[in-house]
Amino acid sequence: MSQFTHLDETGAARMVDVGAKEVTERVAIARAEVHMLPETLRLLREGGHKKGDVIAVARIAGIQGAKKCSDLIPLCHPLMLNSVKVDFEFDEASSAVAITGQCKVSGKTGVEMEALTAVSVAALTLYDMCKAIDRGMQIRNIGLVEKLGGKSGHWQREDGE
């Protein structure tokens, strides 16, 4: 197993030195799910929430979360993101909203944390805006789905989720 990159030889936390790395295009895709009551899902899908377009607000929140990632995760490098996309899919069968976030950068370090932060903040925003009608919502299955670029190349989750 590889050593943790954010720890030095004494075990102290450190920011990884990416100075010698090549600038490459890097992409990361993450996913999260917000499970809720069927009525809550219907309100979101039909835009009937009294707070307005909850999905639009959650999309902007997710994009903002990706942009602020290095302010939230102490050892993340601040990145000049090329793009951030946050998309939502309604899943009637499981009464959930699936959130997918994609981040791209031309840089020396990857954007996995930015994509994970995007979907997490979008999910938290959905919860915040809907909690008055459904406090039992659950945020589940936050994870990296795929990453491309950099020294380690292409990685994709094996279970396809």
N, C-alpha and C. Protein backbone atom coordinates (compact mmCIF):
# COMPACT_ATOMS: atom_id res chain seq x y z
N MET A 1 0.84 -1.18 0.00
CA MET A 1 0.00 0.00 0.00
C MET A 1 0.88 1.24 0.00
N SER A 2 0.50 2.24 -0.74
CA SER A 2 1.24 3.49 -0.83
C SER A 2 1.16 4.26 0.48
N GLN A 3 2.14 5.11 0.70
CA GLN A 3 2.14 5.98 1.86
C GLN A 3 1.16 7.12 1.63
N PHE A 4 0.61 7.67 2.72
CA PHE A 4 -0.24 8.83 2.60
C PHE A 4 0.60 10.01 2.11
N THR A 5 0.15 10.66 1.05
CA THR A 5 0.93 11.75 0.45
C THR A 5 0.91 13.02 1.29
N HIS A 6 -0.07 13.14 2.19
CA HIS A 6 -0.19 14.36 2.98
C HIS A 6 0.47 14.25 4.35
N LEU A 7 1.32 13.22 4.52
CA LEU A 7 2.09 13.06 5.76
C LEU A 7 3.56 12.96 5.40
N ASP A 8 4.40 13.65 6.19
CA ASP A 8 5.84 13.53 5.95
C ASP A 8 6.37 12.29 6.66
N GLU A 9 7.70 12.10 6.62
CA GLU A 9 8.30 10.90 7.19
C GLU A 9 8.11 10.78 8.71
N THR A 10 7.79 11.88 9.37
CA THR A 10 7.55 11.84 10.82
C THR A 10 6.06 11.69 11.14
N GLY A 11 5.21 11.73 10.13
CA GLY A 11 3.78 11.62 10.35
C GLY A 11 3.07 12.96 10.46
N ALA A 12 3.80 14.04 10.28
CA ALA A 12 3.21 15.37 10.35
C ALA A 12 2.48 15.70 9.04
N ALA A 13 1.37 16.42 9.17
CA ALA A 13 0.61 16.84 7.99
C ALA A 13 1.43 17.81 7.16
N ARG A 14 1.29 17.69 5.84
CA ARG A 14 1.99 18.60 4.92
C ARG A 14 1.18 18.75 3.65
N MET A 15 1.38 19.87 2.99
CA MET A 15 0.78 20.07 1.67
C MET A 15 1.74 19.46 0.65
N VAL A 16 1.22 18.66 -0.25
CA VAL A 16 2.04 18.00 -1.26
C VAL A 16 2.68 19.04 -2.17
N ASP A 17 3.98 18.87 -2.45
CA ASP A 17 4.69 19.76 -3.36
C ASP A 17 4.43 19.27 -4.79
N VAL A 18 3.68 20.05 -5.57
CA VAL A 18 3.35 19.66 -6.94
C VAL A 18 4.20 20.44 -7.96
N GLY A 19 5.21 21.15 -7.48
CA GLY A 19 6.01 22.02 -8.34
C GLY A 19 6.65 21.33 -9.53
N ALA A 20 7.08 20.10 -9.38
CA ALA A 20 7.76 19.40 -10.47
C ALA A 20 6.81 18.64 -11.39
N LYS A 21 5.54 18.61 -11.06
CA LYS A 21 4.59 17.87 -11.88
C LYS A 21 4.30 18.60 -13.19
N GLU A 22 3.88 17.83 -14.18
CA GLU A 22 3.50 18.38 -15.48
C GLU A 22 2.09 18.96 -15.41
N VAL A 23 1.87 20.02 -16.16
CA VAL A 23 0.52 20.55 -16.31
C VAL A 23 -0.20 19.68 -17.33
N THR A 24 -1.31 19.10 -16.93
CA THR A 24 -2.13 18.28 -17.83
C THR A 24 -3.59 18.62 -17.58
N GLU A 25 -4.43 18.25 -18.55
CA GLU A 25 -5.87 18.40 -18.31
C GLU A 25 -6.30 17.26 -17.40
N ARG A 26 -7.04 17.63 -16.37
CA ARG A 26 -7.50 16.66 -15.38
C ARG A 26 -9.00 16.82 -15.21
N VAL A 27 -9.69 15.70 -15.10
CA VAL A 27 -11.14 15.68 -14.95
C VAL A 27 -11.49 14.74 -13.81
N ALA A 28 -12.47 15.13 -13.02
CA ALA A 28 -12.98 14.24 -11.98
C ALA A 28 -14.50 14.30 -11.98
N ILE A 29 -15.12 13.15 -11.78
CA ILE A 29 -16.57 13.05 -11.72
C ILE A 29 -16.94 12.37 -10.39
N ALA A 30 -17.83 13.01 -9.66
CA ALA A 30 -18.30 12.46 -8.38
C ALA A 30 -19.81 12.38 -8.40
N ARG A 31 -20.34 11.64 -7.44
CA ARG A 31 -21.79 11.42 -7.39
C ARG A 31 -22.24 11.38 -5.93
N ALA A 32 -23.46 11.80 -5.70
CA ALA A 32 -24.12 11.70 -4.39
C ALA A 32 -25.59 11.47 -4.61
N GLU A 33 -26.27 10.98 -3.59
CA GLU A 33 -27.71 10.77 -3.67
C GLU A 33 -28.37 11.40 -2.45
N VAL A 34 -29.54 12.00 -2.67
CA VAL A 34 -30.36 12.49 -1.57
C VAL A 34 -31.68 11.72 -1.62
N HIS A 35 -31.91 10.88 -0.62
CA HIS A 35 -33.12 10.07 -0.54
C HIS A 35 -34.16 10.82 0.28
N MET A 36 -35.41 10.77 -0.18
CA MET A 36 -36.47 11.57 0.43
C MET A 36 -37.82 10.90 0.25
N LEU A 37 -38.82 11.50 0.86
CA LEU A 37 -40.19 11.02 0.68
C LEU A 37 -40.63 11.23 -0.77
N PRO A 38 -41.47 10.36 -1.31
CA PRO A 38 -41.96 10.54 -2.68
C PRO A 38 -42.60 11.91 -2.91
N GLU A 39 -43.30 12.45 -1.94
CA GLU A 39 -43.94 13.76 -2.09
C GLU A 39 -42.90 14.87 -2.23
N THR A 40 -41.81 14.75 -1.49
CA THR A 40 -40.72 15.74 -1.59
C THR A 40 -40.10 15.69 -2.98
N LEU A 41 -39.87 14.48 -3.47
CA LEU A 41 -39.32 14.31 -4.82
C LEU A 41 -40.25 14.91 -5.86
N ARG A 42 -41.55 14.69 -5.70
CA ARG A 42 -42.52 15.24 -6.65
C ARG A 42 -42.48 16.77 -6.64
N LEU A 43 -42.42 17.39 -5.47
CA LEU A 43 -42.34 18.85 -5.38
C LEU A 43 -41.09 19.38 -6.08
N LEU A 44 -39.97 18.70 -5.89
CA LEU A 44 -38.73 19.13 -6.53
C LEU A 44 -38.83 19.02 -8.05
N ARG A 45 -39.32 17.89 -8.51
CA ARG A 45 -39.41 17.64 -9.95
C ARG A 45 -40.36 18.62 -10.63
N GLU A 46 -41.47 18.93 -9.97
CA GLU A 46 -42.48 19.81 -10.56
C GLU A 46 -42.21 21.28 -10.27
N GLY A 47 -41.20 21.57 -9.47
CA GLY A 47 -40.90 22.96 -9.15
C GLY A 47 -41.92 23.60 -8.24
N GLY A 48 -42.61 22.77 -7.41
CA GLY A 48 -43.69 23.29 -6.57
C GLY A 48 -43.26 23.70 -5.18
N HIS A 49 -41.99 23.78 -4.92
CA HIS A 49 -41.51 24.16 -3.60
C HIS A 49 -41.70 25.65 -3.39
N LYS A 50 -42.19 26.03 -2.22
CA LYS A 50 -42.46 27.44 -1.97
C LYS A 50 -41.21 28.30 -1.94
N LYS A 51 -40.03 27.68 -1.79
CA LYS A 51 -38.77 28.44 -1.80
C LYS A 51 -38.27 28.70 -3.22
N GLY A 52 -38.98 28.21 -4.21
CA GLY A 52 -38.58 28.45 -5.60
C GLY A 52 -37.86 27.26 -6.21
N ASP A 53 -36.99 27.54 -7.17
CA ASP A 53 -36.29 26.50 -7.92
C ASP A 53 -35.13 25.95 -7.10
N VAL A 54 -35.44 24.95 -6.29
CA VAL A 54 -34.46 24.36 -5.38
C VAL A 54 -33.28 23.77 -6.16
N ILE A 55 -33.55 23.13 -7.28
CA ILE A 55 -32.49 22.50 -8.08
C ILE A 55 -31.51 23.56 -8.59
N ALA A 56 -32.02 24.69 -9.05
CA ALA A 56 -31.14 25.76 -9.54
C ALA A 56 -30.24 26.28 -8.42
N VAL A 57 -30.81 26.45 -7.25
CA VAL A 57 -30.02 26.94 -6.11
C VAL A 57 -28.96 25.90 -5.73
N ALA A 58 -29.34 24.61 -5.69
CA ALA A 58 -28.39 23.55 -5.36
C ALA A 58 -27.28 23.45 -6.39
N ARG A 59 -27.60 23.69 -7.67
CA ARG A 59 -26.58 23.65 -8.72
C ARG A 59 -25.55 24.76 -8.49
N ILE A 60 -26.03 25.97 -8.23
CA ILE A 60 -25.11 27.09 -7.98
C ILE A 60 -24.29 26.83 -6.72
N ALA A 61 -24.92 26.28 -5.68
CA ALA A 61 -24.20 25.97 -4.44
C ALA A 61 -23.09 24.95 -4.71
N GLY A 62 -23.39 23.93 -5.51
CA GLY A 62 -22.37 22.93 -5.84
C GLY A 62 -21.20 23.52 -6.59
N ILE A 63 -21.49 24.39 -7.54
CA ILE A 63 -20.42 25.06 -8.29
C ILE A 63 -19.58 25.92 -7.35
N GLN A 64 -20.24 26.66 -6.49
CA GLN A 64 -19.53 27.50 -5.53
C GLN A 64 -18.70 26.64 -4.58
N GLY A 65 -19.25 25.50 -4.15
CA GLY A 65 -18.51 24.59 -3.28
C GLY A 65 -17.21 24.12 -3.91
N ALA A 66 -17.27 23.75 -5.20
CA ALA A 66 -16.06 23.32 -5.90
C ALA A 66 -15.02 24.44 -5.93
N LYS A 67 -15.49 25.66 -6.17
CA LYS A 67 -14.58 26.80 -6.24
C LYS A 67 -13.94 27.12 -4.89
N LYS A 68 -14.62 26.78 -3.81
CA LYS A 68 -14.13 27.09 -2.45
C LYS A 68 -13.48 25.88 -1.77
N CYS A 69 -13.25 24.82 -2.50
CA CYS A 69 -12.75 23.58 -1.92
C CYS A 69 -11.49 23.80 -1.07
N SER A 70 -10.54 24.53 -1.56
CA SER A 70 -9.29 24.71 -0.81
C SER A 70 -9.50 25.53 0.46
N ASP A 71 -10.60 26.27 0.57
CA ASP A 71 -10.93 26.97 1.81
C ASP A 71 -11.52 26.02 2.84
N LEU A 72 -12.06 24.89 2.39
CA LEU A 72 -12.73 23.95 3.28
C LEU A 72 -11.85 22.76 3.67
N ILE A 73 -11.05 22.28 2.75
CA ILE A 73 -10.18 21.12 2.97
C ILE A 73 -8.76 21.65 3.15
N PRO A 74 -8.21 21.57 4.35
CA PRO A 74 -6.99 22.30 4.68
C PRO A 74 -5.78 22.09 3.77
N LEU A 75 -5.56 20.90 3.25
CA LEU A 75 -4.34 20.65 2.47
C LEU A 75 -4.56 20.62 0.96
N CYS A 76 -5.77 21.03 0.51
CA CYS A 76 -6.04 21.11 -0.93
C CYS A 76 -5.35 22.34 -1.52
N HIS A 77 -4.87 22.18 -2.73
CA HIS A 77 -4.29 23.31 -3.46
C HIS A 77 -5.41 24.16 -4.05
N PRO A 78 -5.29 25.48 -4.00
CA PRO A 78 -6.27 26.31 -4.72
C PRO A 78 -6.09 26.11 -6.22
N LEU A 79 -7.19 25.89 -6.92
CA LEU A 79 -7.11 25.60 -8.35
C LEU A 79 -7.90 26.61 -9.15
N MET A 80 -7.40 26.92 -10.33
CA MET A 80 -8.14 27.73 -11.30
C MET A 80 -8.92 26.75 -12.18
N LEU A 81 -10.14 26.47 -11.77
CA LEU A 81 -10.95 25.47 -12.47
C LEU A 81 -11.32 25.94 -13.87
N ASN A 82 -11.24 25.02 -14.83
CA ASN A 82 -11.68 25.32 -16.19
C ASN A 82 -13.20 25.26 -16.29
N SER A 83 -13.80 24.29 -15.60
CA SER A 83 -15.26 24.17 -15.62
C SER A 83 -15.74 23.33 -14.45
N VAL A 84 -16.98 23.59 -14.06
CA VAL A 84 -17.67 22.79 -13.05
C VAL A 84 -19.09 22.59 -13.56
N LYS A 85 -19.53 21.34 -13.59
CA LYS A 85 -20.91 21.03 -13.97
C LYS A 85 -21.54 20.24 -12.83
N VAL A 86 -22.76 20.60 -12.50
CA VAL A 86 -23.51 19.87 -11.48
C VAL A 86 -24.87 19.55 -12.08
N ASP A 87 -25.18 18.25 -12.18
CA ASP A 87 -26.44 17.80 -12.79
C ASP A 87 -27.23 16.95 -11.81
N PHE A 88 -28.55 16.93 -12.02
CA PHE A 88 -29.48 16.25 -11.13
C PHE A 88 -30.36 15.31 -11.94
N GLU A 89 -30.60 14.14 -11.36
CA GLU A 89 -31.47 13.16 -12.00
C GLU A 89 -32.46 12.65 -10.95
N PHE A 90 -33.74 12.66 -11.29
CA PHE A 90 -34.77 12.19 -10.38
C PHE A 90 -34.95 10.69 -10.56
N ASP A 91 -34.86 9.95 -9.46
CA ASP A 91 -35.01 8.50 -9.48
C ASP A 91 -36.27 8.14 -8.69
N GLU A 92 -37.36 7.94 -9.42
CA GLU A 92 -38.65 7.64 -8.80
C GLU A 92 -38.61 6.32 -8.04
N ALA A 93 -37.91 5.33 -8.58
CA ALA A 93 -37.89 4.00 -7.98
C ALA A 93 -37.31 4.02 -6.57
N SER A 94 -36.27 4.81 -6.34
CA SER A 94 -35.66 4.87 -5.01
C SER A 94 -36.02 6.15 -4.27
N SER A 95 -36.89 6.97 -4.86
CA SER A 95 -37.31 8.24 -4.27
C SER A 95 -36.08 9.07 -3.87
N ALA A 96 -35.25 9.33 -4.86
CA ALA A 96 -33.99 10.04 -4.61
C ALA A 96 -33.65 10.98 -5.76
N VAL A 97 -32.80 11.93 -5.44
CA VAL A 97 -32.19 12.78 -6.44
C VAL A 97 -30.72 12.38 -6.51
N ALA A 98 -30.26 11.97 -7.68
CA ALA A 98 -28.85 11.65 -7.89
C ALA A 98 -28.17 12.91 -8.40
N ILE A 99 -27.05 13.25 -7.80
CA ILE A 99 -26.30 14.46 -8.15
C ILE A 99 -24.96 14.02 -8.73
N THR A 100 -24.62 14.54 -9.89
CA THR A 100 -23.34 14.27 -10.52
C THR A 100 -22.60 15.58 -10.69
N GLY A 101 -21.35 15.58 -10.28
CA GLY A 101 -20.51 16.77 -10.43
C GLY A 101 -19.27 16.44 -11.24
N GLN A 102 -18.95 17.31 -12.18
CA GLN A 102 -17.75 17.13 -13.00
C GLN A 102 -16.92 18.39 -12.92
N CYS A 103 -15.64 18.24 -12.60
CA CYS A 103 -14.72 19.37 -12.55
C CYS A 103 -13.56 19.11 -13.50
N LYS A 104 -13.13 20.18 -14.17
CA LYS A 104 -11.99 20.11 -15.09
C LYS A 104 -10.99 21.21 -14.73
N VAL A 105 -9.71 20.88 -14.92
CA VAL A 105 -8.65 21.85 -14.68
C VAL A 105 -7.47 21.51 -15.58
N SER A 106 -6.72 22.51 -15.97
CA SER A 106 -5.41 22.29 -16.59
C SER A 106 -4.42 22.67 -15.50
N GLY A 107 -3.80 21.65 -14.90
CA GLY A 107 -2.96 21.95 -13.76
C GLY A 107 -2.04 20.82 -13.39
N LYS A 108 -1.44 20.97 -12.21
CA LYS A 108 -0.45 20.01 -11.71
C LYS A 108 -1.02 19.06 -10.67
N THR A 109 -2.26 19.23 -10.32
CA THR A 109 -2.91 18.36 -9.34
C THR A 109 -4.36 18.13 -9.75
N GLY A 110 -4.91 17.03 -9.27
CA GLY A 110 -6.23 16.62 -9.69
C GLY A 110 -7.36 17.41 -9.05
N VAL A 111 -8.57 17.11 -9.51
CA VAL A 111 -9.76 17.84 -9.07
C VAL A 111 -10.79 16.92 -8.40
N GLU A 112 -10.31 15.80 -7.85
CA GLU A 112 -11.23 14.88 -7.19
C GLU A 112 -11.94 15.56 -6.01
N MET A 113 -11.19 16.27 -5.19
CA MET A 113 -11.79 16.90 -4.01
C MET A 113 -12.80 17.96 -4.41
N GLU A 114 -12.55 18.66 -5.49
CA GLU A 114 -13.49 19.68 -5.96
C GLU A 114 -14.80 19.05 -6.42
N ALA A 115 -14.70 17.93 -7.15
CA ALA A 115 -15.92 17.24 -7.60
C ALA A 115 -16.70 16.68 -6.41
N LEU A 116 -15.99 16.09 -5.45
CA LEU A 116 -16.65 15.57 -4.25
C LEU A 116 -17.29 16.68 -3.44
N THR A 117 -16.62 17.81 -3.34
CA THR A 117 -17.18 18.94 -2.61
C THR A 117 -18.41 19.49 -3.34
N ALA A 118 -18.37 19.54 -4.65
CA ALA A 118 -19.51 20.04 -5.44
C ALA A 118 -20.77 19.24 -5.15
N VAL A 119 -20.67 17.90 -5.21
CA VAL A 119 -21.87 17.09 -4.98
C VAL A 119 -22.30 17.12 -3.53
N SER A 120 -21.35 17.22 -2.62
CA SER A 120 -21.68 17.28 -1.19
C SER A 120 -22.43 18.56 -0.85
N VAL A 121 -21.93 19.69 -1.34
CA VAL A 121 -22.58 20.98 -1.06
C VAL A 121 -23.94 21.05 -1.75
N ALA A 122 -24.05 20.53 -2.96
CA ALA A 122 -25.34 20.50 -3.64
C ALA A 122 -26.34 19.66 -2.84
N ALA A 123 -25.90 18.50 -2.34
CA ALA A 123 -26.78 17.64 -1.55
C ALA A 123 -27.19 18.33 -0.25
N LEU A 124 -26.25 18.97 0.42
CA LEU A 124 -26.57 19.69 1.65
C LEU A 124 -27.55 20.83 1.39
N THR A 125 -27.42 21.47 0.25
CA THR A 125 -28.35 22.56 -0.11
C THR A 125 -29.75 22.02 -0.34
N LEU A 126 -29.85 20.89 -1.03
CA LEU A 126 -31.17 20.26 -1.19
C LEU A 126 -31.78 19.97 0.18
N TYR A 127 -30.98 19.41 1.06
CA TYR A 127 -31.48 19.11 2.40
C TYR A 127 -31.94 20.40 3.10
N ASP A 128 -31.11 21.40 3.08
CA ASP A 128 -31.43 22.67 3.76
C ASP A 128 -32.73 23.27 3.25
N MET A 129 -32.92 23.25 1.95
CA MET A 129 -34.10 23.89 1.37
C MET A 129 -35.37 23.07 1.53
N CYS A 130 -35.22 21.77 1.78
CA CYS A 130 -36.39 20.89 1.89
C CYS A 130 -36.64 20.36 3.29
N LYS A 131 -35.79 20.68 4.23
CA LYS A 131 -35.90 20.09 5.57
C LYS A 131 -37.20 20.42 6.28
N ALA A 132 -37.81 21.54 5.98
CA ALA A 132 -39.07 21.91 6.63
C ALA A 132 -40.20 20.94 6.27
N ILE A 133 -40.10 20.31 5.10
CA ILE A 133 -41.16 19.37 4.70
C ILE A 133 -40.73 17.91 4.81
N ASP A 134 -39.40 17.67 4.99
CA ASP A 134 -38.92 16.28 5.02
C ASP A 134 -37.59 16.21 5.79
N ARG A 135 -37.66 16.20 7.11
CA ARG A 135 -36.44 16.14 7.93
C ARG A 135 -35.75 14.78 7.86
N GLY A 136 -36.43 13.77 7.35
CA GLY A 136 -35.87 12.43 7.29
C GLY A 136 -35.02 12.16 6.05
N MET A 137 -34.80 13.16 5.23
CA MET A 137 -33.96 12.96 4.04
C MET A 137 -32.59 12.43 4.45
N GLN A 138 -31.98 11.65 3.57
CA GLN A 138 -30.64 11.12 3.83
C GLN A 138 -29.74 11.36 2.63
N ILE A 139 -28.54 11.83 2.93
CA ILE A 139 -27.51 11.98 1.90
C ILE A 139 -26.67 10.70 1.95
N ARG A 140 -26.57 10.04 0.79
CA ARG A 140 -25.90 8.73 0.74
C ARG A 140 -24.96 8.64 -0.47
N ASN A 141 -24.09 7.67 -0.37
CA ASN A 141 -23.26 7.23 -1.51
C ASN A 141 -22.48 8.35 -2.18
N ILE A 142 -21.85 9.19 -1.38
CA ILE A 142 -20.96 10.20 -1.94
C ILE A 142 -19.66 9.51 -2.31
N GLY A 143 -19.25 9.67 -3.56
CA GLY A 143 -18.00 9.03 -3.96
C GLY A 143 -17.52 9.47 -5.32
N LEU A 144 -16.25 9.22 -5.55
CA LEU A 144 -15.64 9.49 -6.84
C LEU A 144 -16.07 8.39 -7.82
N VAL A 145 -16.47 8.78 -9.01
CA VAL A 145 -16.90 7.85 -10.04
C VAL A 145 -15.80 7.62 -11.06
N GLU A 146 -15.09 8.71 -11.41
CA GLU A 146 -14.07 8.61 -12.46
C GLU A 146 -13.11 9.78 -12.35
N LYS A 147 -11.85 9.53 -12.72
CA LYS A 147 -10.88 10.60 -12.84
C LYS A 147 -9.98 10.32 -14.03
N LEU A 148 -9.60 11.40 -14.70
CA LEU A 148 -8.74 11.29 -15.88
C LEU A 148 -7.62 12.31 -15.76
N GLY A 149 -6.46 11.97 -16.29
CA GLY A 149 -5.34 12.89 -16.35
C GLY A 149 -4.33 12.67 -15.24
N GLY A 150 -3.22 13.36 -15.40
CA GLY A 150 -2.16 13.26 -14.40
C GLY A 150 -1.35 11.99 -14.56
N LYS A 151 -0.40 11.82 -13.65
CA LYS A 151 0.53 10.69 -13.70
C LYS A 151 -0.17 9.34 -13.59
N SER A 152 -1.22 9.28 -12.76
CA SER A 152 -1.91 8.01 -12.55
C SER A 152 -2.91 7.68 -13.65
N GLY A 153 -3.15 8.62 -14.57
CA GLY A 153 -3.99 8.34 -15.73
C GLY A 153 -5.47 8.23 -15.43
N HIS A 154 -6.10 7.23 -16.03
CA HIS A 154 -7.55 7.07 -15.96
C HIS A 154 -7.91 6.06 -14.87
N TRP A 155 -8.85 6.43 -14.03
CA TRP A 155 -9.40 5.54 -13.01
C TRP A 155 -10.91 5.62 -13.08
N GLN A 156 -11.57 4.49 -12.95
CA GLN A 156 -13.03 4.45 -12.95
C GLN A 156 -13.49 3.47 -11.90
N ARG A 157 -14.55 3.85 -11.18
CA ARG A 157 -15.12 2.97 -10.16
C ARG A 157 -15.55 1.67 -10.81
N GLU A 158 -15.16 0.57 -10.24
CA GLU A 158 -15.44 -0.75 -10.83
C GLU A 158 -16.90 -1.15 -10.78
N ASP A 159 -17.62 -0.72 -9.73
CA ASP A 159 -19.01 -1.14 -9.60
C ASP A 159 -19.96 -0.35 -10.49
N GLY A 160 -19.42 0.64 -11.24
CA GLY A 160 -20.22 1.39 -12.18
C GLY A 160 -21.15 2.41 -11.56
N GLU A 161 -21.13 2.54 -10.25
CA GLU A 161 -22.02 3.50 -9.57
C GLU A 161 -21.46 4.89 -9.62
